[in-house]
């Protein structure tokens, strides 16, 4: 059974994954339209390339650094930048095998007792 908390944890991962795939697929068609309108050697084309590639790399970084809810290590990669270069990476954590979009592991009483206390002072 899925809970709203499970979906909230995976929201950032899902958003980054979808945007990365969209940016990857749209690079050639969008670049071709910008080049056709403004020309290949225009300042606008240069700015487009810088902004587009910067956004692509930023989204890739967010996606790659998403921490697994179970083991708290990077979910899709344990080898630098190489994990994202698979267009369709494994659908489980590279470290512990936790499934993509899986329900959160249960929290134990010991985990709750180790949290810092707020006494209301």
C-alpha atoms as a PDB file:
ATOM      1  CA  UNK A   1       0.000   0.000   0.000  1.00  0.00           C
ATOM      2  CA  UNK A   2       1.383   3.389  -1.025  1.00  0.00           C
ATOM      3  CA  UNK A   3       1.209   6.448   1.193  1.00  0.00           C
ATOM      4  CA  UNK A   4       1.425  10.158   0.425  1.00  0.00           C
ATOM      5  CA  UNK A   5       4.809  10.287   2.192  1.00  0.00           C
ATOM      6  CA  UNK A   6       6.196   7.756  -0.306  1.00  0.00           C
ATOM      7  CA  UNK A   7       5.155   9.956  -3.213  1.00  0.00           C
ATOM      8  CA  UNK A   8       6.673  13.075  -1.629  1.00  0.00           C
ATOM      9  CA  UNK A   9      10.053  11.377  -1.246  1.00  0.00           C
ATOM     10  CA  UNK A  10      10.091  10.309  -4.887  1.00  0.00           C
ATOM     11  CA  UNK A  11       8.759  13.627  -6.261  1.00  0.00           C
ATOM     12  CA  UNK A  12      12.173  15.299  -6.715  1.00  0.00           C
ATOM     13  CA  UNK A  13      13.621  12.144  -8.292  1.00  0.00           C
ATOM     14  CA  UNK A  14      10.685  11.738 -10.687  1.00  0.00           C
ATOM     15  CA  UNK A  15      10.737  15.417 -11.673  1.00  0.00           C
ATOM     16  CA  UNK A  16      14.492  15.427 -12.363  1.00  0.00           C
ATOM     17  CA  UNK A  17      14.337  12.153 -14.300  1.00  0.00           C
ATOM     18  CA  UNK A  18      11.508  13.375 -16.535  1.00  0.00           C
ATOM     19  CA  UNK A  19      13.132  16.748 -17.169  1.00  0.00           C
ATOM     20  CA  UNK A  20      16.489  15.119 -17.975  1.00  0.00           C
ATOM     21  CA  UNK A  21      14.888  12.770 -20.509  1.00  0.00           C
ATOM     22  CA  UNK A  22      12.884  15.645 -22.032  1.00  0.00           C
ATOM     23  CA  UNK A  23      15.982  17.845 -22.329  1.00  0.00           C
ATOM     24  CA  UNK A  24      17.959  14.965 -23.836  1.00  0.00           C
ATOM     25  CA  UNK A  25      15.260  14.215 -26.425  1.00  0.00           C
ATOM     26  CA  UNK A  26      14.528  17.878 -27.245  1.00  0.00           C
ATOM     27  CA  UNK A  27      18.147  18.994 -27.742  1.00  0.00           C
ATOM     28  CA  UNK A  28      18.323  18.505 -31.534  1.00  0.00           C
ATOM     29  CA  UNK A  29      14.815  19.689 -32.502  1.00  0.00           C
ATOM     30  CA  UNK A  30      14.862  22.763 -30.246  1.00  0.00           C
ATOM     31  CA  UNK A  31      18.429  23.609 -31.284  1.00  0.00           C
ATOM     32  CA  UNK A  32      17.473  23.282 -34.950  1.00  0.00           C
ATOM     33  CA  UNK A  33      14.539  25.677 -34.522  1.00  0.00           C
ATOM     34  CA  UNK A  34      16.691  28.249 -32.695  1.00  0.00           C
ATOM     35  CA  UNK A  35      19.413  27.916 -35.366  1.00  0.00           C
ATOM     36  CA  UNK A  36      16.862  28.295 -38.186  1.00  0.00           C
ATOM     37  CA  UNK A  37      15.384  31.442 -36.655  1.00  0.00           C
ATOM     38  CA  UNK A  38      18.543  33.193 -35.446  1.00  0.00           C
ATOM     39  CA  UNK A  39      21.345  31.527 -37.433  1.00  0.00           C
ATOM     40  CA  UNK A  40      24.109  29.213 -36.249  1.00  0.00           C
ATOM     41  CA  UNK A  41      26.621  31.997 -35.542  1.00  0.00           C
ATOM     42  CA  UNK A  42      24.314  34.367 -33.690  1.00  0.00           C
ATOM     43  CA  UNK A  43      24.670  35.525 -30.110  1.00  0.00           C
ATOM     44  CA  UNK A  44      21.214  34.089 -29.375  1.00  0.00           C
ATOM     45  CA  UNK A  45      22.345  30.624 -30.527  1.00  0.00           C
ATOM     46  CA  UNK A  46      25.432  30.844 -28.323  1.00  0.00           C
ATOM     47  CA  UNK A  47      23.363  31.889 -25.319  1.00  0.00           C
ATOM     48  CA  UNK A  48      20.850  29.140 -26.052  1.00  0.00           C
ATOM     49  CA  UNK A  49      23.592  26.501 -26.054  1.00  0.00           C
ATOM     50  CA  UNK A  50      25.099  27.772 -22.793  1.00  0.00           C
ATOM     51  CA  UNK A  51      21.734  27.976 -21.004  1.00  0.00           C
ATOM     52  CA  UNK A  52      20.444  24.656 -22.370  1.00  0.00           C
ATOM     53  CA  UNK A  53      23.591  22.692 -21.552  1.00  0.00           C
ATOM     54  CA  UNK A  54      23.824  24.305 -18.103  1.00  0.00           C
ATOM     55  CA  UNK A  55      20.241  23.331 -17.299  1.00  0.00           C
ATOM     56  CA  UNK A  56      20.805  19.818 -18.642  1.00  0.00           C
ATOM     57  CA  UNK A  57      23.885  19.314 -16.454  1.00  0.00           C
ATOM     58  CA  UNK A  58      22.160  20.805 -13.386  1.00  0.00           C
ATOM     59  CA  UNK A  59      19.152  18.480 -13.751  1.00  0.00           C
ATOM     60  CA  UNK A  60      21.519  15.556 -14.324  1.00  0.00           C
ATOM     61  CA  UNK A  61      23.326  16.437 -11.091  1.00  0.00           C
ATOM     62  CA  UNK A  62      20.051  16.601  -9.113  1.00  0.00           C
ATOM     63  CA  UNK A  63      18.891  13.277 -10.544  1.00  0.00           C
ATOM     64  CA  UNK A  64      22.225  11.587  -9.966  1.00  0.00           C
ATOM     65  CA  UNK A  65      22.579  12.809  -6.382  1.00  0.00           C
ATOM     66  CA  UNK A  66      19.125  11.676  -5.258  1.00  0.00           C
ATOM     67  CA  UNK A  67      19.685   9.588  -2.141  1.00  0.00           C
ATOM     68  CA  UNK A  68      18.120   6.169  -1.779  1.00  0.00           C
ATOM     69  CA  UNK A  69      15.453   6.203   0.961  1.00  0.00           C
ATOM     70  CA  UNK A  70      16.830   2.916   2.353  1.00  0.00           C
ATOM     71  CA  UNK A  71      20.638   3.172   2.298  1.00  0.00           C
ATOM     72  CA  UNK A  72      21.016   6.965   1.815  1.00  0.00           C
ATOM     73  CA  UNK A  73      23.589   6.541  -0.962  1.00  0.00           C
ATOM     74  CA  UNK A  74      23.160   7.930  -4.509  1.00  0.00           C
ATOM     75  CA  UNK A  75      20.258   5.955  -6.001  1.00  0.00           C
ATOM     76  CA  UNK A  76      21.273   5.691  -9.658  1.00  0.00           C
ATOM     77  CA  UNK A  77      25.022   5.969  -9.525  1.00  0.00           C
ATOM     78  CA  UNK A  78      27.954   4.954  -7.461  1.00  0.00           C
ATOM     79  CA  UNK A  79      30.555   5.682 -10.111  1.00  0.00           C
ATOM     80  CA  UNK A  80      30.780   9.455 -10.639  1.00  0.00           C
ATOM     81  CA  UNK A  81      28.895  10.778 -13.679  1.00  0.00           C
ATOM     82  CA  UNK A  82      28.622   7.436 -15.458  1.00  0.00           C
ATOM     83  CA  UNK A  83      25.325   6.290 -13.940  1.00  0.00           C
ATOM     84  CA  UNK A  84      23.143   8.821 -15.727  1.00  0.00           C
ATOM     85  CA  UNK A  85      24.644   8.118 -19.134  1.00  0.00           C
ATOM     86  CA  UNK A  86      22.491   5.012 -19.400  1.00  0.00           C
ATOM     87  CA  UNK A  87      19.344   6.474 -20.951  1.00  0.00           C
ATOM     88  CA  UNK A  88      17.318   3.989 -18.943  1.00  0.00           C
ATOM     89  CA  UNK A  89      19.319   3.142 -15.806  1.00  0.00           C
ATOM     90  CA  UNK A  90      18.391   0.234 -13.577  1.00  0.00           C
ATOM     91  CA  UNK A  91      15.084   0.620 -11.797  1.00  0.00           C
ATOM     92  CA  UNK A  92      16.649  -0.132  -8.423  1.00  0.00           C
ATOM     93  CA  UNK A  93      19.292   1.391  -6.146  1.00  0.00           C
ATOM     94  CA  UNK A  94      22.811   0.624  -7.386  1.00  0.00           C
ATOM     95  CA  UNK A  95      23.907  -0.019  -3.788  1.00  0.00           C
ATOM     96  CA  UNK A  96      21.116  -1.883  -1.968  1.00  0.00           C
ATOM     97  CA  UNK A  97      18.638  -2.896  -4.686  1.00  0.00           C
ATOM     98  CA  UNK A  98      15.742  -0.805  -3.303  1.00  0.00           C
ATOM     99  CA  UNK A  99      13.139  -0.573  -6.123  1.00  0.00           C
ATOM    100  CA  UNK A 100      12.498   2.700  -7.941  1.00  0.00           C
ATOM    101  CA  UNK A 101       9.355   4.368  -6.520  1.00  0.00           C
ATOM    102  CA  UNK A 102       9.210   1.687  -3.809  1.00  0.00           C
ATOM    103  CA  UNK A 103       7.412   2.289  -0.511  1.00  0.00           C
ATOM    104  CA  UNK A 104       9.514   3.773   2.244  1.00  0.00           C
ATOM    105  CA  UNK A 105      11.118   1.339   4.644  1.00  0.00           C
ATOM    106  CA  UNK A 106       9.445   1.283   8.062  1.00  0.00           C
ATOM    107  CA  UNK A 107      10.953   3.430  10.795  1.00  0.00           C
ATOM    108  CA  UNK A 108      12.002   1.539  13.904  1.00  0.00           C
ATOM    109  CA  UNK A 109      11.513   2.701  17.485  1.00  0.00           C
ATOM    110  CA  UNK A 110      15.310   2.924  17.856  1.00  0.00           C
ATOM    111  CA  UNK A 111      15.457   5.319  14.886  1.00  0.00           C
ATOM    112  CA  UNK A 112      12.809   7.545  16.458  1.00  0.00           C
ATOM    113  CA  UNK A 113      14.533   7.550  19.851  1.00  0.00           C
ATOM    114  CA  UNK A 114      17.837   8.638  18.272  1.00  0.00           C
ATOM    115  CA  UNK A 115      16.289  11.833  16.867  1.00  0.00           C
ATOM    116  CA  UNK A 116      17.136  15.080  18.727  1.00  0.00           C
ATOM    117  CA  UNK A 117      14.509  16.109  21.215  1.00  0.00           C
ATOM    118  CA  UNK A 118      12.762  19.462  21.322  1.00  0.00           C
ATOM    119  CA  UNK A 119      11.731  20.219  24.900  1.00  0.00           C
ATOM    120  CA  UNK A 120       9.954  23.429  23.916  1.00  0.00           C
ATOM    121  CA  UNK A 121      12.396  25.752  25.718  1.00  0.00           C
END
